[in-house]
């Protein structure tokens, strides 16, 4: 190794070690902050966030590396040529399945562990041996939804890189070099933000699971901790002290003026602006008389609580789909999108997401009839086609062949700004 190369290697090694020490310090500080704020098992939560961050970074970096290779293999191509190649590139490098697997494994292993810590903080003799169907469904559906959103945002990010490069007159080689220089740092930052947000969300889900199972908990209270924020959300400060029944939602007025009904902080029914970097918690209101019962009595009450919640959740799902069918399906059916695609049916998943995410029939119609953007038709590994209509209030995925709406979600502020600018 040349002396100059050795010096560069040693310097990089020192920088990496210093970064590792800094990141470890940040994690330790955050563990203390969360513990002080009232989080249970905060050290485990942050450790799992670190593991999730590493796995997400690897997946995002692999996609970036493939994109760099695409650019390097076509050094004489124009930006327009690369944009034309993007549909095939995204199809061959789709990371949704990988992301879904990582999120599922992480949530599945963490929720029971953290829920047990929460229930033991209330009753030292109880533990969480199984989770409710409601929480099991959350693990499955949120892993899928989160993976889908993250995959789409990754494709959008690469598309934006090309668009900005075209505006500034950059060449393909220049973009490739910039990604080599900065891509890893951006992927780590993005993975870190996602991992921390999602593990704090999983912590809230676990707490709710514990409170549902604990026979000593009848009510819960929202607490604004302000942890880690110099400019706390005023609407979250207003939530501080709100008490509701353990199986009922809180009422939160969003910064966007809409009313939301989260079961806990960072509930995925909330928009990203109300979840990302939110360190609020919800705490149990404990009936000490119940804690005086025998362990056998408390365990029977715990089993009864699980069975009751399972029954209630089953009824809620049936009622939700029936209500949404009446409210939305008949009105949206046969609506013709701006490109001629006609709505013929809505999936059960779509109906559930409408309710969960606050997407109305008018939002869906607006997205289809007056979209800000219509994506190209994509085909998944099962041969199913999908086309995305991005509206100002909602984003709608529909199969252009069958006319079936597969999913919907609230359009993010950045996406709205981007397509309005274009």
Protein backbone atom coordinates (compact mmCIF):
# COMPACT_ATOMS: atom_id res chain seq x y z
CA UNK A 1 0.00 0.00 0.00
CA UNK A 2 1.36 3.45 -0.96
CA UNK A 3 2.03 5.90 1.85
CA UNK A 4 -0.69 8.29 0.60
CA UNK A 5 -3.18 5.42 0.35
CA UNK A 6 -2.22 4.25 3.85
CA UNK A 7 -2.76 7.76 5.23
CA UNK A 8 -6.19 7.99 3.56
CA UNK A 9 -7.12 4.54 4.87
CA UNK A 10 -6.03 5.40 8.44
CA UNK A 11 -7.87 8.74 8.33
CA UNK A 12 -11.07 7.10 7.10
CA UNK A 13 -10.74 4.43 9.77
CA UNK A 14 -10.41 7.07 12.48
CA UNK A 15 -13.41 9.00 11.14
CA UNK A 16 -15.51 5.82 11.08
CA UNK A 17 -14.57 4.98 14.67
CA UNK A 18 -15.35 8.52 15.76
CA UNK A 19 -18.74 8.31 14.02
CA UNK A 20 -19.44 5.01 15.77
CA UNK A 21 -18.61 6.60 19.14
CA UNK A 22 -20.83 9.60 18.34
CA UNK A 23 -23.75 7.42 17.23
CA UNK A 24 -23.38 5.25 20.36
CA UNK A 25 -23.45 8.41 22.51
CA UNK A 26 -26.59 9.65 20.74
CA UNK A 27 -28.25 6.26 21.32
CA UNK A 28 -27.27 6.26 25.00
CA UNK A 29 -28.56 9.80 25.46
CA UNK A 30 -31.83 8.90 23.74
CA UNK A 31 -32.28 5.81 25.95
CA UNK A 32 -31.93 8.03 29.04
CA UNK A 33 -34.31 10.64 27.59
CA UNK A 34 -36.98 8.08 26.71
CA UNK A 35 -36.63 6.32 30.07
CA UNK A 36 -37.01 9.63 31.88
CA UNK A 37 -40.07 10.43 29.75
CA UNK A 38 -41.76 7.22 30.87
CA UNK A 39 -40.97 4.73 28.10
CA UNK A 40 -40.61 1.14 29.32
CA UNK A 41 -37.73 -0.98 27.94
CA UNK A 42 -36.27 2.03 26.10
CA UNK A 43 -32.80 0.42 25.84
CA UNK A 44 -34.28 -2.62 24.05
CA UNK A 45 -36.35 -0.36 21.77
CA UNK A 46 -33.29 1.67 20.72
CA UNK A 47 -31.21 -1.46 20.28
CA UNK A 48 -33.87 -2.90 17.97
CA UNK A 49 -34.04 0.43 16.12
CA UNK A 50 -30.29 0.13 15.54
CA UNK A 51 -30.72 -3.40 14.15
CA UNK A 52 -33.58 -2.25 11.92
CA UNK A 53 -31.52 0.73 10.75
CA UNK A 54 -28.66 -1.56 9.68
CA UNK A 55 -30.96 -3.83 7.68
CA UNK A 56 -32.76 -0.91 6.01
CA UNK A 57 -29.43 0.72 5.16
CA UNK A 58 -28.25 -2.46 3.44
CA UNK A 59 -31.43 -2.69 1.34
CA UNK A 60 -31.40 1.00 0.38
CA UNK A 61 -27.68 0.88 -0.42
CA UNK A 62 -28.15 -2.17 -2.62
CA UNK A 63 -30.81 -0.29 -4.62
CA UNK A 64 -28.51 2.76 -4.85
CA UNK A 65 -25.60 0.58 -6.00
CA UNK A 66 -27.78 -0.92 -8.74
CA UNK A 67 -28.77 2.59 -9.82
CA UNK A 68 -25.14 3.68 -9.90
CA UNK A 69 -24.34 0.61 -12.01
CA UNK A 70 -27.15 1.54 -14.43
CA UNK A 71 -25.58 4.99 -14.82
CA UNK A 72 -22.03 3.69 -15.12
CA UNK A 73 -23.08 1.12 -17.73
CA UNK A 74 -24.59 3.94 -19.83
CA UNK A 75 -22.02 6.78 -19.56
CA UNK A 76 -22.93 8.28 -22.94
CA UNK A 77 -26.68 8.16 -22.41
CA UNK A 78 -28.76 11.30 -21.88
CA UNK A 79 -30.82 11.84 -18.74
CA UNK A 80 -33.93 11.26 -20.85
CA UNK A 81 -32.55 7.87 -21.90
CA UNK A 82 -32.05 6.89 -18.25
CA UNK A 83 -35.56 8.09 -17.35
CA UNK A 84 -36.93 5.83 -20.10
CA UNK A 85 -35.07 2.89 -18.53
CA UNK A 86 -36.45 3.56 -15.02
CA UNK A 87 -39.71 1.49 -15.27
CA UNK A 88 -37.75 -1.67 -16.16
CA UNK A 89 -35.05 -0.81 -13.61
CA UNK A 90 -37.61 -0.35 -10.80
CA UNK A 91 -39.34 -3.57 -11.75
CA UNK A 92 -36.09 -5.56 -11.60
CA UNK A 93 -34.88 -3.92 -8.36
CA UNK A 94 -38.19 -3.74 -6.45
CA UNK A 95 -37.35 -3.77 -2.74
CA UNK A 96 -40.88 -4.04 -1.31
CA UNK A 97 -40.63 -7.78 -0.51
CA UNK A 98 -37.28 -7.33 1.25
CA UNK A 99 -38.56 -4.37 3.26
CA UNK A 100 -41.78 -6.16 4.20
CA UNK A 101 -39.84 -9.17 5.47
CA UNK A 102 -37.51 -6.99 7.56
CA UNK A 103 -40.34 -4.95 9.10
CA UNK A 104 -42.43 -8.06 9.83
CA UNK A 105 -39.57 -9.91 11.53
CA UNK A 106 -38.64 -6.83 13.56
CA UNK A 107 -42.19 -6.07 14.74
CA UNK A 108 -43.04 -9.73 15.33
CA UNK A 109 -40.03 -10.28 17.59
CA UNK A 110 -40.24 -6.95 19.40
CA UNK A 111 -43.91 -6.41 20.22
CA UNK A 112 -44.38 -9.40 22.57
CA UNK A 113 -41.07 -8.63 24.32
CA UNK A 114 -41.89 -4.95 24.89
CA UNK A 115 -45.53 -5.68 25.80
CA UNK A 116 -44.30 -8.08 28.51
CA UNK A 117 -42.09 -5.32 29.91
CA UNK A 118 -45.08 -2.93 30.00
CA UNK A 119 -47.42 -5.41 31.70
CA UNK A 120 -44.73 -6.25 34.27
CA UNK A 121 -44.36 -2.54 35.02
CA UNK A 122 -48.02 -2.69 36.10
CA UNK A 123 -48.14 -6.20 37.55
CA UNK A 124 -44.81 -7.96 38.20
CA UNK A 125 -46.38 -11.44 38.13
CA UNK A 126 -48.09 -11.18 34.74
CA UNK A 127 -46.50 -11.67 31.34
CA UNK A 128 -47.67 -11.46 27.71
CA UNK A 129 -47.74 -15.02 26.37
CA UNK A 130 -49.76 -14.27 23.24
CA UNK A 131 -50.97 -11.12 21.49
CA UNK A 132 -54.45 -10.12 20.40
CA UNK A 133 -55.63 -10.59 16.82
CA UNK A 134 -55.80 -6.80 16.54
CA UNK A 135 -52.06 -6.45 17.20
CA UNK A 136 -51.19 -9.47 15.06
CA UNK A 137 -53.11 -7.84 12.19
CA UNK A 138 -51.24 -4.58 12.77
CA UNK A 139 -47.90 -6.38 12.43
CA UNK A 140 -48.98 -7.95 9.14
CA UNK A 141 -50.72 -4.99 7.51
CA UNK A 142 -48.37 -2.25 8.67
CA UNK A 143 -45.30 -4.23 7.54
CA UNK A 144 -46.84 -4.44 4.07
CA UNK A 145 -48.03 -0.82 3.93
CA UNK A 146 -44.77 0.58 5.26
CA UNK A 147 -42.75 -1.48 2.78
CA UNK A 148 -44.94 -0.28 -0.09
CA UNK A 149 -44.63 3.40 0.87
CA UNK A 150 -40.87 3.12 1.41
CA UNK A 151 -40.38 1.35 -1.93
CA UNK A 152 -42.42 4.00 -3.76
CA UNK A 153 -40.58 6.86 -2.05
CA UNK A 154 -37.25 5.28 -3.04
CA UNK A 155 -38.34 5.18 -6.69
CA UNK A 156 -39.54 8.80 -6.39
CA UNK A 157 -36.21 9.81 -4.88
CA UNK A 158 -34.25 8.36 -7.80
CA UNK A 159 -36.66 9.99 -10.25
CA UNK A 160 -36.16 13.33 -8.50
CA UNK A 161 -32.37 12.97 -8.74
CA UNK A 162 -32.71 12.61 -12.51
CA UNK A 163 -35.16 15.52 -12.78
CA UNK A 164 -32.89 17.87 -10.81
CA UNK A 165 -29.88 16.75 -12.82
CA UNK A 166 -31.70 17.51 -16.06
CA UNK A 167 -32.64 20.99 -14.78
CA UNK A 168 -29.01 21.72 -13.86
CA UNK A 169 -27.58 20.24 -17.05
CA UNK A 170 -25.58 17.50 -15.30
CA UNK A 171 -24.40 14.42 -17.15
CA UNK A 172 -24.86 10.75 -16.26
CA UNK A 173 -21.27 10.35 -15.04
CA UNK A 174 -21.61 13.35 -12.72
CA UNK A 175 -24.77 11.91 -11.11
CA UNK A 176 -23.08 8.54 -10.62
CA UNK A 177 -20.09 10.14 -8.90
CA UNK A 178 -22.29 12.24 -6.60
CA UNK A 179 -24.17 9.10 -5.56
CA UNK A 180 -20.90 7.30 -4.89
CA UNK A 181 -19.79 10.23 -2.71
CA UNK A 182 -23.04 10.97 -0.86
CA UNK A 183 -25.46 8.08 -1.38
CA UNK A 184 -24.33 6.04 1.63
CA UNK A 185 -24.72 8.96 4.06
CA UNK A 186 -28.22 9.75 2.74
CA UNK A 187 -29.26 6.09 3.04
CA UNK A 188 -28.01 5.87 6.63
CA UNK A 189 -29.84 9.07 7.57
CA UNK A 190 -33.08 7.91 5.98
CA UNK A 191 -32.82 4.42 7.50
CA UNK A 192 -32.10 5.89 10.93
CA UNK A 193 -35.14 8.20 10.87
CA UNK A 194 -37.43 5.38 9.69
CA UNK A 195 -36.04 2.82 12.15
CA UNK A 196 -36.39 5.10 15.17
CA UNK A 197 -39.91 6.25 14.22
CA UNK A 198 -41.11 2.69 13.60
CA UNK A 199 -39.61 1.20 16.76
CA UNK A 200 -41.16 3.98 18.84
CA UNK A 201 -44.43 3.21 17.06
CA UNK A 202 -43.96 -0.49 17.90
CA UNK A 203 -43.31 0.56 21.51
CA UNK A 204 -46.70 2.33 21.57
CA UNK A 205 -48.44 -0.69 19.99
CA UNK A 206 -46.81 -2.91 22.63
CA UNK A 207 -47.90 -0.60 25.44
CA UNK A 208 -51.50 -0.64 24.16
CA UNK A 209 -51.37 -4.46 23.95
CA UNK A 210 -50.20 -4.63 27.58
CA UNK A 211 -52.89 -2.20 28.77
CA UNK A 212 -55.61 -4.20 26.97
CA UNK A 213 -54.40 -7.43 28.58
CA UNK A 214 -53.87 -6.04 32.08
CA UNK A 215 -56.99 -6.50 34.24
CA UNK A 216 -55.84 -3.58 36.40
CA UNK A 217 -56.05 -1.02 33.55
CA UNK A 218 -59.40 0.55 32.67
CA UNK A 219 -58.27 3.93 31.29
CA UNK A 220 -55.23 5.48 29.62
CA UNK A 221 -53.75 8.98 29.54
CA UNK A 222 -51.88 10.85 26.77
CA UNK A 223 -48.66 12.45 27.93
CA UNK A 224 -46.65 15.00 25.95
CA UNK A 225 -43.03 14.51 26.95
CA UNK A 226 -41.37 17.06 24.66
CA UNK A 227 -38.41 14.67 24.57
CA UNK A 228 -35.79 15.60 22.00
CA UNK A 229 -37.70 18.57 20.58
CA UNK A 230 -36.82 22.25 20.99
CA UNK A 231 -40.01 23.24 19.12
CA UNK A 232 -42.73 20.87 20.36
CA UNK A 233 -45.99 20.47 18.47
CA UNK A 234 -48.60 22.75 20.04
CA UNK A 235 -51.43 20.34 19.23
CA UNK A 236 -49.55 17.53 21.04
CA UNK A 237 -49.05 19.79 24.06
CA UNK A 238 -52.84 20.33 24.03
CA UNK A 239 -53.27 16.53 24.18
CA UNK A 240 -51.33 16.27 27.45
CA UNK A 241 -53.50 14.79 30.19
CA UNK A 242 -56.37 13.61 27.95
CA UNK A 243 -57.89 10.45 29.51
CA UNK A 244 -60.03 7.87 27.66
CA UNK A 245 -61.09 4.25 28.23
CA UNK A 246 -58.30 1.78 27.45
CA UNK A 247 -60.12 0.39 24.37
CA UNK A 248 -61.21 3.81 23.06
CA UNK A 249 -59.25 6.25 20.83
CA UNK A 250 -57.92 9.64 21.80
CA UNK A 251 -59.11 12.72 19.89
CA UNK A 252 -56.35 14.76 18.25
CA UNK A 253 -56.72 17.88 16.15
CA UNK A 254 -54.02 17.69 13.52
CA UNK A 255 -51.82 20.54 12.37
CA UNK A 256 -53.71 20.26 9.06
CA UNK A 257 -57.01 21.06 10.84
CA UNK A 258 -58.41 17.52 10.50
CA UNK A 259 -59.60 15.51 13.51
CA UNK A 260 -57.88 12.15 14.08
CA UNK A 261 -58.70 9.33 16.47
CA UNK A 262 -55.45 7.53 17.42
CA UNK A 263 -55.42 4.69 19.93
CA UNK A 264 -51.93 5.81 20.98
CA UNK A 265 -49.14 8.22 19.90
CA UNK A 266 -47.77 7.43 16.42
CA UNK A 267 -50.85 5.34 15.55
CA UNK A 268 -50.54 4.75 11.79
CA UNK A 269 -53.95 6.39 11.27
CA UNK A 270 -52.05 9.66 11.85
CA UNK A 271 -50.29 11.46 8.97
CA UNK A 272 -46.46 11.43 8.96
CA UNK A 273 -46.31 15.01 10.28
CA UNK A 274 -47.98 13.86 13.50
CA UNK A 275 -45.81 10.74 13.92
CA UNK A 276 -42.24 11.41 12.81
CA UNK A 277 -40.04 12.49 15.74
CA UNK A 278 -43.06 12.40 18.10
CA UNK A 279 -41.94 11.27 21.55
CA UNK A 280 -45.36 11.41 23.26
CA UNK A 281 -46.48 8.37 25.27
CA UNK A 282 -49.73 7.01 26.69
CA UNK A 283 -49.83 5.73 30.24
CA UNK A 284 -52.18 3.40 32.12
CA UNK A 285 -54.60 4.41 34.86
CA UNK A 286 -54.20 1.51 37.30
CA UNK A 287 -56.84 0.09 39.66
CA UNK A 288 -54.80 -1.09 42.67
CA UNK A 289 -57.72 -3.13 44.02
CA UNK A 290 -57.37 -5.53 41.09
CA UNK A 291 -53.68 -5.99 41.87
CA UNK A 292 -54.78 -7.35 45.26
CA UNK A 293 -56.47 -10.34 43.60
CA UNK A 294 -54.73 -13.71 43.38
CA UNK A 295 -52.47 -14.43 40.40
CA UNK A 296 -54.89 -17.10 39.17
CA UNK A 297 -57.77 -14.60 39.16
CA UNK A 298 -55.70 -11.98 37.35
CA UNK A 299 -54.57 -14.47 34.69
CA UNK A 300 -58.19 -15.50 34.07
CA UNK A 301 -59.13 -11.83 33.68
CA UNK A 302 -56.18 -11.39 31.29
CA UNK A 303 -57.37 -14.31 29.11
CA UNK A 304 -60.90 -12.93 29.18
CA UNK A 305 -59.62 -9.49 28.09
CA UNK A 306 -57.77 -11.05 25.13
CA UNK A 307 -60.85 -13.03 24.03
CA UNK A 308 -63.11 -9.99 24.43
CA UNK A 309 -60.80 -7.80 22.35
CA UNK A 310 -60.57 -10.48 19.67
CA UNK A 311 -64.37 -10.62 19.46
CA UNK A 312 -64.66 -6.83 19.40
CA UNK A 313 -62.00 -6.55 16.70
CA UNK A 314 -63.79 -9.15 14.56
CA UNK A 315 -67.07 -7.22 14.85
CA UNK A 316 -65.31 -3.93 14.08
CA UNK A 317 -63.85 -5.34 10.86
CA UNK A 318 -67.24 -6.59 9.65
CA UNK A 319 -68.97 -3.34 10.57
CA UNK A 320 -66.19 -1.24 9.06
CA UNK A 321 -66.28 -2.98 5.68
CA UNK A 322 -70.10 -2.91 5.57
CA UNK A 323 -70.22 0.80 6.47
CA UNK A 324 -67.55 1.70 3.95
CA UNK A 325 -69.32 -0.35 1.28
CA UNK A 326 -72.43 1.73 1.79
CA UNK A 327 -70.66 5.08 2.08
CA UNK A 328 -67.96 4.81 -0.55
CA UNK A 329 -68.27 1.89 -2.95
CA UNK A 330 -71.61 2.78 -4.53
CA UNK A 331 -70.55 6.39 -5.06
CA UNK A 332 -67.12 5.57 -6.48
CA UNK A 333 -68.29 2.65 -8.61
CA UNK A 334 -68.20 3.41 -12.37
CA UNK A 335 -66.27 6.65 -11.82
CA UNK A 336 -64.13 7.19 -14.90
CA UNK A 337 -60.58 8.42 -14.29
CA UNK A 338 -59.06 11.19 -16.38
CA UNK A 339 -57.23 8.63 -18.55
CA UNK A 340 -60.38 6.58 -19.18
CA UNK A 341 -59.88 3.83 -16.57
CA UNK A 342 -63.22 3.01 -14.90
CA UNK A 343 -63.63 1.92 -11.25
CA UNK A 344 -65.42 -1.44 -11.08
CA UNK A 345 -64.63 -2.56 -7.51
CA UNK A 346 -62.78 -1.67 -4.30
CA UNK A 347 -60.72 -4.24 -2.42
CA UNK A 348 -61.44 -4.98 1.24
CA UNK A 349 -57.95 -3.64 1.94
CA UNK A 350 -58.92 -0.32 0.30
CA UNK A 351 -62.07 -0.02 2.37
CA UNK A 352 -60.12 -0.63 5.57
CA UNK A 353 -57.45 1.90 4.60
CA UNK A 354 -60.12 4.53 3.82
CA UNK A 355 -61.40 4.31 7.37
CA UNK A 356 -57.97 4.02 8.94
CA UNK A 357 -56.38 6.89 7.02
CA UNK A 358 -59.30 9.29 6.79
CA UNK A 359 -59.62 9.01 3.00
CA UNK A 360 -63.13 9.93 1.81
CA UNK A 361 -65.07 9.12 -1.36
CA UNK A 362 -64.54 12.69 -2.58
CA UNK A 363 -60.77 12.34 -2.07
CA UNK A 364 -60.72 9.20 -4.23
CA UNK A 365 -62.88 10.75 -6.96
CA UNK A 366 -60.71 13.87 -7.00
CA UNK A 367 -57.52 11.82 -7.34
CA UNK A 368 -58.98 9.85 -10.26
CA UNK A 369 -60.65 12.70 -12.12
CA UNK A 370 -58.20 15.60 -11.50
CA UNK A 371 -54.88 13.99 -10.53
CA UNK A 372 -51.68 15.95 -9.99
CA UNK A 373 -49.83 13.02 -11.52
CA UNK A 374 -50.55 9.61 -13.08
CA UNK A 375 -47.75 7.03 -12.91
CA UNK A 376 -46.89 4.49 -15.56
CA UNK A 377 -48.59 1.09 -15.36
CA UNK A 378 -46.53 -1.41 -13.33
CA UNK A 379 -46.78 -5.19 -13.22
CA UNK A 380 -45.81 -7.22 -10.13
CA UNK A 381 -44.35 -10.73 -10.01
CA UNK A 382 -47.85 -12.26 -10.02
CA UNK A 383 -48.66 -10.41 -13.25
CA UNK A 384 -51.04 -7.96 -11.55
CA UNK A 385 -51.07 -4.45 -13.03
CA UNK A 386 -51.25 -1.24 -11.05
CA UNK A 387 -51.41 2.45 -11.89
CA UNK A 388 -51.06 5.25 -9.34
CA UNK A 389 -53.21 8.41 -9.36
CA UNK A 390 -51.78 11.10 -7.09
CA UNK A 391 -54.38 13.62 -6.01
CA UNK A 392 -54.11 16.61 -3.71
CA UNK A 393 -55.84 14.76 -0.86
CA UNK A 394 -55.31 11.09 -1.64
CA UNK A 395 -53.21 8.69 -3.70
CA UNK A 396 -55.09 5.81 -5.35
CA UNK A 397 -53.71 2.58 -6.80
CA UNK A 398 -55.96 0.89 -9.39
CA UNK A 399 -55.60 -2.09 -11.71
CA UNK A 400 -56.29 -0.54 -15.16
CA UNK A 401 -57.37 -3.93 -16.59
CA UNK A 402 -59.86 -4.98 -13.90
CA UNK A 403 -60.81 -1.53 -12.59
CA UNK A 404 -60.20 -2.69 -9.01
CA UNK A 405 -58.85 -0.09 -6.54
CA UNK A 406 -56.21 -1.96 -4.52
CA UNK A 407 -55.20 0.65 -1.92
CA UNK A 408 -55.36 4.33 -0.98
CA UNK A 409 -53.51 6.71 1.32
CA UNK A 410 -53.27 10.39 2.15
CA UNK A 411 -50.94 12.23 -0.22
CA UNK A 412 -47.88 13.63 1.58
CA UNK A 413 -47.14 17.36 1.63
CA UNK A 414 -43.80 16.91 -0.17
CA UNK A 415 -45.42 14.90 -2.96
CA UNK A 416 -48.12 17.56 -3.41
CA UNK A 417 -45.50 20.31 -3.53
CA UNK A 418 -43.38 18.37 -6.01
CA UNK A 419 -46.15 17.71 -8.54
CA UNK A 420 -47.72 21.14 -8.18
CA UNK A 421 -44.31 22.63 -8.96
CA UNK A 422 -43.94 20.40 -12.01
